PDB file of N, CA and C in Angstrom:
ATOM      1  N   MET A   1       3.618  38.853  58.298  1.00  0.00           N
ATOM      2  CA  MET A   1       4.663  37.997  57.805  1.00  0.00           C
ATOM      3  C   MET A   1       5.420  38.744  56.711  1.00  0.00           C
ATOM      4  N   LYS A   2       6.731  38.738  56.825  1.00  0.00           N
ATOM      5  CA  LYS A   2       7.570  39.441  55.875  1.00  0.00           C
ATOM      6  C   LYS A   2       8.194  38.435  54.917  1.00  0.00           C
ATOM      7  N   ILE A   3       8.116  38.756  53.623  1.00  0.00           N
ATOM      8  CA  ILE A   3       8.698  37.883  52.606  1.00  0.00           C
ATOM      9  C   ILE A   3       9.939  38.561  52.071  1.00  0.00           C
ATOM     10  N   ASN A   4      11.020  37.845  52.115  1.00  0.00           N
ATOM     11  CA  ASN A   4      12.272  38.376  51.598  1.00  0.00           C
ATOM     12  C   ASN A   4      12.296  38.136  50.093  1.00  0.00           C
ATOM     13  N   SER A   5      12.235  39.199  49.316  1.00  0.00           N
ATOM     14  CA  SER A   5      12.108  39.084  47.868  1.00  0.00           C
ATOM     15  C   SER A   5      13.345  38.483  47.220  1.00  0.00           C
ATOM     16  N   SER A   6      14.530  38.713  47.765  1.00  0.00           N
ATOM     17  CA  SER A   6      15.737  38.178  47.136  1.00  0.00           C
ATOM     18  C   SER A   6      15.795  36.660  47.267  1.00  0.00           C
ATOM     19  N   SER A   7      15.394  36.108  48.403  1.00  0.00           N
ATOM     20  CA  SER A   7      15.430  34.647  48.556  1.00  0.00           C
ATOM     21  C   SER A   7      14.335  33.991  47.722  1.00  0.00           C
ATOM     22  N   THR A   8      13.209  34.648  47.550  1.00  0.00           N
ATOM     23  CA  THR A   8      12.131  34.113  46.720  1.00  0.00           C
ATOM     24  C   THR A   8      12.584  34.021  45.271  1.00  0.00           C
ATOM     25  N   GLY A   9      13.291  35.026  44.799  1.00  0.00           N
ATOM     26  CA  GLY A   9      13.806  35.018  43.434  1.00  0.00           C
ATOM     27  C   GLY A   9      14.802  33.896  43.213  1.00  0.00           C
ATOM     28  N   ILE A  10      15.665  33.648  44.191  1.00  0.00           N
ATOM     29  CA  ILE A  10      16.661  32.575  44.079  1.00  0.00           C
ATOM     30  C   ILE A  10      15.969  31.223  44.046  1.00  0.00           C
ATOM     31  N   GLU A  11      14.974  31.038  44.904  1.00  0.00           N
ATOM     32  CA  GLU A  11      14.230  29.777  44.922  1.00  0.00           C
ATOM     33  C   GLU A  11      13.509  29.554  43.592  1.00  0.00           C
ATOM     34  N   LEU A  12      12.958  30.609  43.051  1.00  0.00           N
ATOM     35  CA  LEU A  12      12.260  30.507  41.772  1.00  0.00           C
ATOM     36  C   LEU A  12      13.221  30.113  40.657  1.00  0.00           C
ATOM     37  N   LEU A  13      14.403  30.734  40.626  1.00  0.00           N
ATOM     38  CA  LEU A  13      15.408  30.390  39.618  1.00  0.00           C
ATOM     39  C   LEU A  13      15.854  28.939  39.758  1.00  0.00           C
ATOM     40  N   SER A  14      16.025  28.486  40.984  1.00  0.00           N
ATOM     41  CA  SER A  14      16.412  27.097  41.230  1.00  0.00           C
ATOM     42  C   SER A  14      15.326  26.139  40.743  1.00  0.00           C
ATOM     43  N   TYR A  15      14.098  26.486  41.013  1.00  0.00           N
ATOM     44  CA  TYR A  15      12.967  25.660  40.569  1.00  0.00           C
ATOM     45  C   TYR A  15      12.900  25.603  39.048  1.00  0.00           C
ATOM     46  N   LEU A  16      13.063  26.746  38.387  1.00  0.00           N
ATOM     47  CA  LEU A  16      13.040  26.784  36.921  1.00  0.00           C
ATOM     48  C   LEU A  16      14.178  25.958  36.331  1.00  0.00           C
ATOM     49  N   LYS A  17      15.344  26.000  36.969  1.00  0.00           N
ATOM     50  CA  LYS A  17      16.491  25.214  36.501  1.00  0.00           C
ATOM     51  C   LYS A  17      16.186  23.722  36.586  1.00  0.00           C
ATOM     52  N   GLN A  18      15.551  23.295  37.659  1.00  0.00           N
ATOM     53  CA  GLN A  18      15.179  21.884  37.810  1.00  0.00           C
ATOM     54  C   GLN A  18      14.190  21.460  36.726  1.00  0.00           C
ATOM     55  N   ILE A  19      13.243  22.299  36.441  1.00  0.00           N
ATOM     56  CA  ILE A  19      12.245  21.984  35.411  1.00  0.00           C
ATOM     57  C   ILE A  19      12.913  21.851  34.052  1.00  0.00           C
ATOM     58  N   ARG A  20      13.818  22.769  33.742  1.00  0.00           N
ATOM     59  CA  ARG A  20      14.516  22.705  32.451  1.00  0.00           C
ATOM     60  C   ARG A  20      15.346  21.428  32.335  1.00  0.00           C
ATOM     61  N   GLN A  21      15.997  21.039  33.418  1.00  0.00           N
ATOM     62  CA  GLN A  21      16.801  19.817  33.392  1.00  0.00           C
ATOM     63  C   GLN A  21      15.917  18.590  33.170  1.00  0.00           C
ATOM     64  N   GLN A  22      14.761  18.564  33.787  1.00  0.00           N
ATOM     65  CA  GLN A  22      13.843  17.443  33.608  1.00  0.00           C
ATOM     66  C   GLN A  22      13.317  17.383  32.182  1.00  0.00           C
ATOM     67  N   GLN A  23      13.076  18.530  31.590  1.00  0.00           N
ATOM     68  CA  GLN A  23      12.578  18.564  30.218  1.00  0.00           C
ATOM     69  C   GLN A  23      13.639  18.109  29.227  1.00  0.00           C
ATOM     70  N   GLN A  24      14.905  18.348  29.534  1.00  0.00           N
ATOM     71  CA  GLN A  24      15.978  17.976  28.629  1.00  0.00           C
ATOM     72  C   GLN A  24      16.311  16.492  28.700  1.00  0.00           C
ATOM     73  N   LYS A  25      16.019  15.832  29.808  1.00  0.00           N
ATOM     74  CA  LYS A  25      16.295  14.407  29.944  1.00  0.00           C
ATOM     75  C   LYS A  25      15.318  13.624  29.083  1.00  0.00           C
ATOM     76  N   PRO A  26      15.833  12.633  28.336  1.00  0.00           N
ATOM     77  CA  PRO A  26      14.905  11.790  27.569  1.00  0.00           C
ATOM     78  C   PRO A  26      14.087  10.938  28.524  1.00  0.00           C
ATOM     79  N   ASN A  27      12.819  10.957  28.315  1.00  0.00           N
ATOM     80  CA  ASN A  27      11.900  10.203  29.155  1.00  0.00           C
ATOM     81  C   ASN A  27      11.328   9.070  28.325  1.00  0.00           C
ATOM     82  N   ASP A  28      11.296   7.865  28.867  1.00  0.00           N
ATOM     83  CA  ASP A  28      10.812   6.706  28.113  1.00  0.00           C
ATOM     84  C   ASP A  28       9.382   6.896  27.633  1.00  0.00           C
ATOM     85  N   SER A  29       8.544   7.522  28.420  1.00  0.00           N
ATOM     86  CA  SER A  29       7.156   7.705  28.009  1.00  0.00           C
ATOM     87  C   SER A  29       7.031   8.755  26.911  1.00  0.00           C
ATOM     88  N   ASN A  30       7.991   9.658  26.826  1.00  0.00           N
ATOM     89  CA  ASN A  30       7.957  10.693  25.800  1.00  0.00           C
ATOM     90  C   ASN A  30       8.904  10.397  24.643  1.00  0.00           C
ATOM     91  N   ALA A  31       9.476   9.207  24.617  1.00  0.00           N
ATOM     92  CA  ALA A  31      10.457   8.862  23.581  1.00  0.00           C
ATOM     93  C   ALA A  31       9.818   8.921  22.202  1.00  0.00           C
ATOM     94  N   GLN A  32      10.639   9.244  21.226  1.00  0.00           N
ATOM     95  CA  GLN A  32      10.162   9.322  19.850  1.00  0.00           C
ATOM     96  C   GLN A  32       9.792   7.925  19.362  1.00  0.00           C
ATOM     97  N   PRO A  33       8.685   7.803  18.632  1.00  0.00           N
ATOM     98  CA  PRO A  33       8.307   6.495  18.102  1.00  0.00           C
ATOM     99  C   PRO A  33       9.267   6.084  16.997  1.00  0.00           C
ATOM    100  N   ASN A  34       9.445   4.761  16.851  1.00  0.00           N
ATOM    101  CA  ASN A  34      10.317   4.298  15.777  1.00  0.00           C
ATOM    102  C   ASN A  34       9.615   4.493  14.441  1.00  0.00           C
ATOM    103  N   ALA A  35      10.318   4.189  13.352  1.00  0.00           N
ATOM    104  CA  ALA A  35       9.789   4.466  12.013  1.00  0.00           C
ATOM    105  C   ALA A  35       8.488   3.718  11.754  1.00  0.00           C
ATOM    106  N   ARG A  36       8.396   2.496  12.211  1.00  0.00           N
ATOM    107  CA  ARG A  36       7.181   1.704  11.978  1.00  0.00           C
ATOM    108  C   ARG A  36       5.989   2.318  12.706  1.00  0.00           C
ATOM    109  N   GLN A  37       6.203   2.683  13.953  1.00  0.00           N
ATOM    110  CA  GLN A  37       5.123   3.303  14.714  1.00  0.00           C
ATOM    111  C   GLN A  37       4.718   4.630  14.086  1.00  0.00           C
ATOM    112  N   ALA A  38       5.689   5.382  13.625  1.00  0.00           N
ATOM    113  CA  ALA A  38       5.385   6.666  12.993  1.00  0.00           C
ATOM    114  C   ALA A  38       4.579   6.461  11.724  1.00  0.00           C
ATOM    115  N   ALA A  39       4.927   5.438  10.944  1.00  0.00           N
ATOM    116  CA  ALA A  39       4.188   5.162   9.711  1.00  0.00           C
ATOM    117  C   ALA A  39       2.753   4.761  10.025  1.00  0.00           C
ATOM    118  N   GLU A  40       2.562   3.995  11.076  1.00  0.00           N
ATOM    119  CA  GLU A  40       1.206   3.587  11.455  1.00  0.00           C
ATOM    120  C   GLU A  40       0.388   4.790  11.913  1.00  0.00           C
ATOM    121  N   MET A  41       1.032   5.730  12.573  1.00  0.00           N
ATOM    122  CA  MET A  41       0.314   6.909  13.048  1.00  0.00           C
ATOM    123  C   MET A  41      -0.015   7.851  11.897  1.00  0.00           C
ATOM    124  N   ASP A  42       0.725   7.776  10.793  1.00  0.00           N
ATOM    125  CA  ASP A  42       0.537   8.693   9.673  1.00  0.00           C
ATOM    126  C   ASP A  42      -0.446   8.192   8.631  1.00  0.00           C
ATOM    127  N   LYS A  43      -1.139   7.108   8.889  1.00  0.00           N
ATOM    128  CA  LYS A  43      -2.089   6.581   7.911  1.00  0.00           C
ATOM    129  C   LYS A  43      -3.275   7.526   7.771  1.00  0.00           C
ATOM    130  N   VAL A  44      -3.771   7.620   6.545  1.00  0.00           N
ATOM    131  CA  VAL A  44      -4.921   8.471   6.257  1.00  0.00           C
ATOM    132  C   VAL A  44      -5.999   7.613   5.625  1.00  0.00           C
ATOM    133  N   ASN A  45      -7.207   7.742   6.104  1.00  0.00           N
ATOM    134  CA  ASN A  45      -8.336   7.040   5.510  1.00  0.00           C
ATOM    135  C   ASN A  45      -9.121   8.039   4.671  1.00  0.00           C
ATOM    136  N   VAL A  46      -9.227   7.731   3.379  1.00  0.00           N
ATOM    137  CA  VAL A  46      -9.924   8.618   2.460  1.00  0.00           C
ATOM    138  C   VAL A  46     -11.332   8.074   2.244  1.00  0.00           C
ATOM    139  N   SER A  47     -12.311   8.927   2.387  1.00  0.00           N
ATOM    140  CA  SER A  47     -13.699   8.504   2.233  1.00  0.00           C
ATOM    141  C   SER A  47     -14.026   8.273   0.764  1.00  0.00           C
ATOM    142  N   ASP A  48     -15.118   7.565   0.529  1.00  0.00           N
ATOM    143  CA  ASP A  48     -15.582   7.336  -0.841  1.00  0.00           C
ATOM    144  C   ASP A  48     -15.874   8.663  -1.528  1.00  0.00           C
ATOM    145  N   ARG A  49     -16.408   9.590  -0.790  1.00  0.00           N
ATOM    146  CA  ARG A  49     -16.734  10.911  -1.339  1.00  0.00           C
ATOM    147  C   ARG A  49     -15.468  11.621  -1.811  1.00  0.00           C
ATOM    148  N   ALA A  50     -14.415  11.539  -1.012  1.00  0.00           N
ATOM    149  CA  ALA A  50     -13.153  12.170  -1.391  1.00  0.00           C
ATOM    150  C   ALA A  50     -12.576  11.517  -2.640  1.00  0.00           C
ATOM    151  N   ARG A  51     -12.732  10.202  -2.744  1.00  0.00           N
ATOM    152  CA  ARG A  51     -12.263   9.505  -3.950  1.00  0.00           C
ATOM    153  C   ARG A  51     -13.032   9.982  -5.180  1.00  0.00           C
ATOM    154  N   GLU A  52     -14.339  10.180  -5.042  1.00  0.00           N
ATOM    155  CA  GLU A  52     -15.155  10.668  -6.158  1.00  0.00           C
ATOM    156  C   GLU A  52     -14.711  12.067  -6.587  1.00  0.00           C
ATOM    157  N   VAL A  53     -14.455  12.914  -5.615  1.00  0.00           N
ATOM    158  CA  VAL A  53     -14.020  14.279  -5.917  1.00  0.00           C
ATOM    159  C   VAL A  53     -12.670  14.255  -6.619  1.00  0.00           C
ATOM    160  N   LEU A  54     -11.762  13.407  -6.152  1.00  0.00           N
ATOM    161  CA  LEU A  54     -10.449  13.292  -6.780  1.00  0.00           C
ATOM    162  C   LEU A  54     -10.569  12.795  -8.214  1.00  0.00           C
ATOM    163  N   GLN A  55     -11.421  11.795  -8.424  1.00  0.00           N
ATOM    164  CA  GLN A  55     -11.619  11.259  -9.771  1.00  0.00           C
ATOM    165  C   GLN A  55     -12.218  12.330 -10.690  1.00  0.00           C
ATOM    166  N   ALA A  56     -13.191  13.073 -10.203  1.00  0.00           N
ATOM    167  CA  ALA A  56     -13.799  14.137 -11.008  1.00  0.00           C
ATOM    168  C   ALA A  56     -12.776  15.218 -11.335  1.00  0.00           C
ATOM    169  N   SER A  57     -11.952  15.555 -10.371  1.00  0.00           N
ATOM    170  CA  SER A  57     -10.919  16.565 -10.592  1.00  0.00           C
ATOM    171  C   SER A  57      -9.933  16.116 -11.656  1.00  0.00           C
ATOM    172  N   ARG A  58      -9.540  14.858 -11.596  1.00  0.00           N
ATOM    173  CA  ARG A  58      -8.598  14.329 -12.590  1.00  0.00           C
ATOM    174  C   ARG A  58      -9.211  14.301 -13.985  1.00  0.00           C
ATOM    175  N   SER A  59     -10.478  13.946 -14.082  1.00  0.00           N
ATOM    176  CA  SER A  59     -11.100  13.886 -15.403  1.00  0.00           C
ATOM    177  C   SER A  59     -11.328  15.288 -15.977  1.00  0.00           C
ATOM    178  N   LEU A  60     -11.480  16.295 -15.131  1.00  0.00           N
ATOM    179  CA  LEU A  60     -11.657  17.662 -15.615  1.00  0.00           C
ATOM    180  C   LEU A  60     -10.346  18.295 -16.072  1.00  0.00           C
ATOM    181  N   GLN A  61      -9.230  17.724 -15.663  1.00  0.00           N
ATOM    182  CA  GLN A  61      -7.945  18.293 -16.055  1.00  0.00           C
ATOM    183  C   GLN A  61      -7.737  18.223 -17.564  1.00  0.00           C
ATOM    184  N   GLY A  62      -8.317  17.235 -18.217  1.00  0.00           N
ATOM    185  CA  GLY A  62      -8.144  17.098 -19.656  1.00  0.00           C
ATOM    186  C   GLY A  62      -9.094  17.941 -20.476  1.00  0.00           C
ATOM    187  N   VAL A  63     -10.085  18.545 -19.837  1.00  0.00           N
ATOM    188  CA  VAL A  63     -11.090  19.329 -20.554  1.00  0.00           C
ATOM    189  C   VAL A  63     -10.597  20.768 -20.718  1.00  0.00           C
ATOM    190  N   ALA A  64     -10.739  21.293 -21.912  1.00  0.00           N
ATOM    191  CA  ALA A  64     -10.320  22.674 -22.166  1.00  0.00           C
ATOM    192  C   ALA A  64     -11.260  23.644 -21.461  1.00  0.00           C
ATOM    193  N   ASP A  65     -10.706  24.713 -20.924  1.00  0.00           N
ATOM    194  CA  ASP A  65     -11.510  25.727 -20.245  1.00  0.00           C
ATOM    195  C   ASP A  65     -12.251  26.616 -21.238  1.00  0.00           C
ATOM    196  N   VAL A  66     -11.718  26.746 -22.420  1.00  0.00           N
ATOM    197  CA  VAL A  66     -12.278  27.658 -23.413  1.00  0.00           C
ATOM    198  C   VAL A  66     -12.551  26.889 -24.698  1.00  0.00           C
ATOM    199  N   ARG A  67     -13.744  27.111 -25.248  1.00  0.00           N
ATOM    200  CA  ARG A  67     -14.069  26.518 -26.554  1.00  0.00           C
ATOM    201  C   ARG A  67     -13.567  27.476 -27.625  1.00  0.00           C
ATOM    202  N   GLU A  68     -12.384  27.189 -28.133  1.00  0.00           N
ATOM    203  CA  GLU A  68     -11.695  28.089 -29.067  1.00  0.00           C
ATOM    204  C   GLU A  68     -12.532  28.393 -30.308  1.00  0.00           C
ATOM    205  N   ALA A  69     -13.185  27.382 -30.867  1.00  0.00           N
ATOM    206  CA  ALA A  69     -13.979  27.593 -32.085  1.00  0.00           C
ATOM    207  C   ALA A  69     -15.148  28.533 -31.816  1.00  0.00           C
ATOM    208  N   LYS A  70     -15.803  28.353 -30.667  1.00  0.00           N
ATOM    209  CA  LYS A  70     -16.938  29.211 -30.310  1.00  0.00           C
ATOM    210  C   LYS A  70     -16.482  30.656 -30.109  1.00  0.00           C
ATOM    211  N   VAL A  71     -15.354  30.833 -29.430  1.00  0.00           N
ATOM    212  CA  VAL A  71     -14.820  32.175 -29.189  1.00  0.00           C
ATOM    213  C   VAL A  71     -14.475  32.854 -30.510  1.00  0.00           C
ATOM    214  N   ALA A  72     -13.855  32.113 -31.412  1.00  0.00           N
ATOM    215  CA  ALA A  72     -13.491  32.678 -32.719  1.00  0.00           C
ATOM    216  C   ALA A  72     -14.733  33.099 -33.498  1.00  0.00           C
ATOM    217  N   GLN A  73     -15.788  32.275 -33.440  1.00  0.00           N
ATOM    218  CA  GLN A  73     -17.021  32.603 -34.158  1.00  0.00           C
ATOM    219  C   GLN A  73     -17.691  33.843 -33.573  1.00  0.00           C
ATOM    220  N   VAL A  74     -17.734  33.948 -32.256  1.00  0.00           N
ATOM    221  CA  VAL A  74     -18.345  35.115 -31.612  1.00  0.00           C
ATOM    222  C   VAL A  74     -17.552  36.379 -31.945  1.00  0.00           C
ATOM    223  N   LYS A  75     -16.218  36.291 -31.912  1.00  0.00           N
ATOM    224  CA  LYS A  75     -15.397  37.450 -32.279  1.00  0.00           C
ATOM    225  C   LYS A  75     -15.684  37.895 -33.711  1.00  0.00           C
ATOM    226  N   LEU A  76     -15.788  36.924 -34.589  1.00  0.00           N
ATOM    227  CA  LEU A  76     -16.068  37.229 -35.993  1.00  0.00           C
ATOM    228  C   LEU A  76     -17.430  37.910 -36.140  1.00  0.00           C
ATOM    229  N   ASP A  77     -18.447  37.359 -35.448  1.00  0.00           N
ATOM    230  CA  ASP A  77     -19.788  37.940 -35.511  1.00  0.00           C
ATOM    231  C   ASP A  77     -19.816  39.359 -34.939  1.00  0.00           C
ATOM    232  N   VAL A  78     -19.104  39.584 -33.832  1.00  0.00           N
ATOM    233  CA  VAL A  78     -19.057  40.922 -33.228  1.00  0.00           C
ATOM    234  C   VAL A  78     -18.388  41.900 -34.182  1.00  0.00           C
ATOM    235  N   ASN A  79     -17.268  41.488 -34.760  1.00  0.00           N
ATOM    236  CA  ASN A  79     -16.546  42.369 -35.695  1.00  0.00           C
ATOM    237  C   ASN A  79     -17.369  42.680 -36.942  1.00  0.00           C
ATOM    238  N   ASN A  80     -18.180  41.723 -37.382  1.00  0.00           N
ATOM    239  CA  ASN A  80     -19.016  41.924 -38.571  1.00  0.00           C
ATOM    240  C   ASN A  80     -20.322  42.643 -38.251  1.00  0.00           C
ATOM    241  N   GLY A  81     -20.630  42.786 -36.952  1.00  0.00           N
ATOM    242  CA  GLY A  81     -21.878  43.428 -36.563  1.00  0.00           C
ATOM    243  C   GLY A  81     -23.075  42.505 -36.670  1.00  0.00           C
ATOM    244  N   THR A  82     -22.834  41.209 -36.762  1.00  0.00           N
ATOM    245  CA  THR A  82     -23.933  40.249 -36.905  1.00  0.00           C
ATOM    246  C   THR A  82     -24.230  39.481 -35.614  1.00  0.00           C
ATOM    247  N   TYR A  83     -23.518  39.795 -34.538  1.00  0.00           N
ATOM    248  CA  TYR A  83     -23.743  39.079 -33.280  1.00  0.00           C
ATOM    249  C   TYR A  83     -25.011  39.597 -32.625  1.00  0.00           C
ATOM    250  N   LYS A  84     -25.935  38.694 -32.358  1.00  0.00           N
ATOM    251  CA  LYS A  84     -27.211  39.054 -31.738  1.00  0.00           C
ATOM    252  C   LYS A  84     -27.376  38.258 -30.447  1.00  0.00           C
ATOM    253  N   VAL A  85     -27.768  38.945 -29.417  1.00  0.00           N
ATOM    254  CA  VAL A  85     -28.015  38.302 -28.130  1.00  0.00           C
ATOM    255  C   VAL A  85     -29.514  38.211 -27.930  1.00  0.00           C
ATOM    256  N   VAL A  86     -29.986  36.998 -27.644  1.00  0.00           N
ATOM    257  CA  VAL A  86     -31.395  36.788 -27.326  1.00  0.00           C
ATOM    258  C   VAL A  86     -31.474  36.702 -25.801  1.00  0.00           C
ATOM    259  N   GLY A  87     -31.951  37.781 -25.187  1.00  0.00           N
ATOM    260  CA  GLY A  87     -31.976  37.885 -23.732  1.00  0.00           C
ATOM    261  C   GLY A  87     -32.723  36.762 -23.049  1.00  0.00           C
ATOM    262  N   SER A  88     -33.862  36.360 -23.609  1.00  0.00           N
ATOM    263  CA  SER A  88     -34.648  35.296 -22.974  1.00  0.00           C
ATOM    264  C   SER A  88     -33.889  33.968 -22.996  1.00  0.00           C
ATOM    265  N   LYS A  89     -33.128  33.721 -24.052  1.00  0.00           N
ATOM    266  CA  LYS A  89     -32.350  32.479 -24.135  1.00  0.00           C
ATOM    267  C   LYS A  89     -31.228  32.486 -23.090  1.00  0.00           C
ATOM    268  N   VAL A  90     -30.568  33.630 -22.939  1.00  0.00           N
ATOM    269  CA  VAL A  90     -29.503  33.756 -21.942  1.00  0.00           C
ATOM    270  C   VAL A  90     -30.071  33.552 -20.540  1.00  0.00           C
ATOM    271  N   ALA A  91     -31.210  34.193 -20.251  1.00  0.00           N
ATOM    272  CA  ALA A  91     -31.834  34.067 -18.933  1.00  0.00           C
ATOM    273  C   ALA A  91     -32.255  32.635 -18.659  1.00  0.00           C
ATOM    274  N   THR A  92     -32.822  31.967 -19.662  1.00  0.00           N
ATOM    275  CA  THR A  92     -33.250  30.575 -19.499  1.00  0.00           C
ATOM    276  C   THR A  92     -32.065  29.675 -19.184  1.00  0.00           C
ATOM    277  N   GLU A  93     -30.975  29.852 -19.911  1.00  0.00           N
ATOM    278  CA  GLU A  93     -29.779  29.035 -19.678  1.00  0.00           C
ATOM    279  C   GLU A  93     -29.169  29.304 -18.306  1.00  0.00           C
ATOM    280  N   MET A  94     -29.193  30.566 -17.872  1.00  0.00           N
ATOM    281  CA  MET A  94     -28.668  30.900 -16.546  1.00  0.00           C
ATOM    282  C   MET A  94     -29.497  30.240 -15.450  1.00  0.00           C
ATOM    283  N   LEU A  95     -30.828  30.281 -15.600  1.00  0.00           N
ATOM    284  CA  LEU A  95     -31.703  29.647 -14.612  1.00  0.00           C
ATOM    285  C   LEU A  95     -31.529  28.136 -14.607  1.00  0.00           C
ATOM    286  N   ARG A  96     -31.426  27.539 -15.802  1.00  0.00           N
ATOM    287  CA  ARG A  96     -31.245  26.096 -15.898  1.00  0.00           C
ATOM    288  C   ARG A  96     -29.955  25.669 -15.192  1.00  0.00           C
ATOM    289  N   GLU A  97     -28.884  26.384 -15.461  1.00  0.00           N
ATOM    290  CA  GLU A  97     -27.602  26.048 -14.845  1.00  0.00           C
ATOM    291  C   GLU A  97     -27.653  26.221 -13.331  1.00  0.00           C
ATOM    292  N   SER A  98     -28.304  27.279 -12.881  1.00  0.00           N
ATOM    293  CA  SER A  98     -28.429  27.517 -11.449  1.00  0.00           C
ATOM    294  C   SER A  98     -29.221  26.406 -10.766  1.00  0.00           C
ATOM    295  N   LEU A  99     -30.319  25.978 -11.385  1.00  0.00           N
ATOM    296  CA  LEU A  99     -31.119  24.888 -10.824  1.00  0.00           C
ATOM    297  C   LEU A  99     -30.334  23.581 -10.805  1.00  0.00           C
ATOM    298  N   GLU A 100     -29.603  23.299 -11.870  1.00  0.00           N
ATOM    299  CA  GLU A 100     -28.785  22.085 -11.908  1.00  0.00           C
ATOM    300  C   GLU A 100     -27.743  22.101 -10.793  1.00  0.00           C
ATOM    301  N   ASN A 101     -27.085  23.241 -10.626  1.00  0.00           N
ATOM    302  CA  ASN A 101     -26.083  23.352  -9.567  1.00  0.00           C
ATOM    303  C   ASN A 101     -26.709  23.159  -8.193  1.00  0.00           C
ATOM    304  N   GLY A 102     -27.904  23.717  -7.995  1.00  0.00           N
ATOM    305  CA  GLY A 102     -28.603  23.542  -6.727  1.00  0.00           C
ATOM    306  C   GLY A 102     -28.941  22.093  -6.458  1.00  0.00           C
ATOM    307  N   LEU A 103     -29.397  21.381  -7.486  1.00  0.00           N
ATOM    308  CA  LEU A 103     -29.715  19.960  -7.325  1.00  0.00           C
ATOM    309  C   LEU A 103     -28.463  19.145  -7.024  1.00  0.00           C
ATOM    310  N   ILE A 104     -27.380  19.467  -7.692  1.00  0.00           N
ATOM    311  CA  ILE A 104     -26.120  18.758  -7.447  1.00  0.00           C
ATOM    312  C   ILE A 104     -25.660  18.985  -6.015  1.00  0.00           C
ATOM    313  N   MET A 105     -25.694  20.223  -5.561  1.00  0.00           N
ATOM    314  CA  MET A 105     -25.269  20.531  -4.194  1.00  0.00           C
ATOM    315  C   MET A 105     -26.168  19.849  -3.175  1.00  0.00           C
ATOM    316  N   GLN A 106     -27.460  19.791  -3.461  1.00  0.00           N
ATOM    317  CA  GLN A 106     -28.400  19.139  -2.557  1.00  0.00           C
ATOM    318  C   GLN A 106     -28.106  17.648  -2.474  1.00  0.00           C
ATOM    319  N   SER A 107     -27.861  17.010  -3.611  1.00  0.00           N
ATOM    320  CA  SER A 107     -27.577  15.575  -3.595  1.00  0.00           C
ATOM    321  C   SER A 107     -26.244  15.296  -2.913  1.00  0.00           C
ATOM    322  N   MET A 108     -25.294  16.215  -3.031  1.00  0.00           N
ATOM    323  CA  MET A 108     -24.001  16.036  -2.372  1.00  0.00           C
ATOM    324  C   MET A 108     -24.140  16.131  -0.864  1.00  0.00           C
ATOM    325  N   SER A 109     -24.978  17.025  -0.390  1.00  0.00           N
ATOM    326  CA  SER A 109     -25.134  17.191   1.053  1.00  0.00           C
ATOM    327  C   SER A 109     -25.905  16.033   1.677  1.00  0.00           C
ATOM    328  N   GLN A 110     -26.703  15.336   0.882  1.00  0.00           N
ATOM    329  CA  GLN A 110     -27.458  14.194   1.394  1.00  0.00           C
ATOM    330  C   GLN A 110     -26.611  12.933   1.436  1.00  0.00           C
ATOM    331  N   SER A 111     -25.535  12.906   0.677  1.00  0.00           N
ATOM    332  CA  SER A 111     -24.663  11.721   0.639  1.00  0.00           C
ATOM    333  C   SER A 111     -23.824  11.606   1.866  1.00  0.00           C
TER     334      SER A 111
END
């Protein structure tokens, strides 16, 4: 069986033209929803957990990131040569904070 390539190309172009025309016609089933329907589709349900996170984020916005008085005192002690680091105290505080963070994350994952 011999296929004439020129007629196949013409048929293909004709078919593509029909498809494009159908896509351009407004179809009732594909019609854009009115404003009310669009508003109903755009509703978002926020979980209690998300509300808690938002509230915590808002309350942290008022807290300073840096304790200015503490920084000034440490700078003064360093400049005077009187700043002393107690390694065991630093290690204890690091472990305590790490354990607290682990407990918080664990309780969050269980909620």
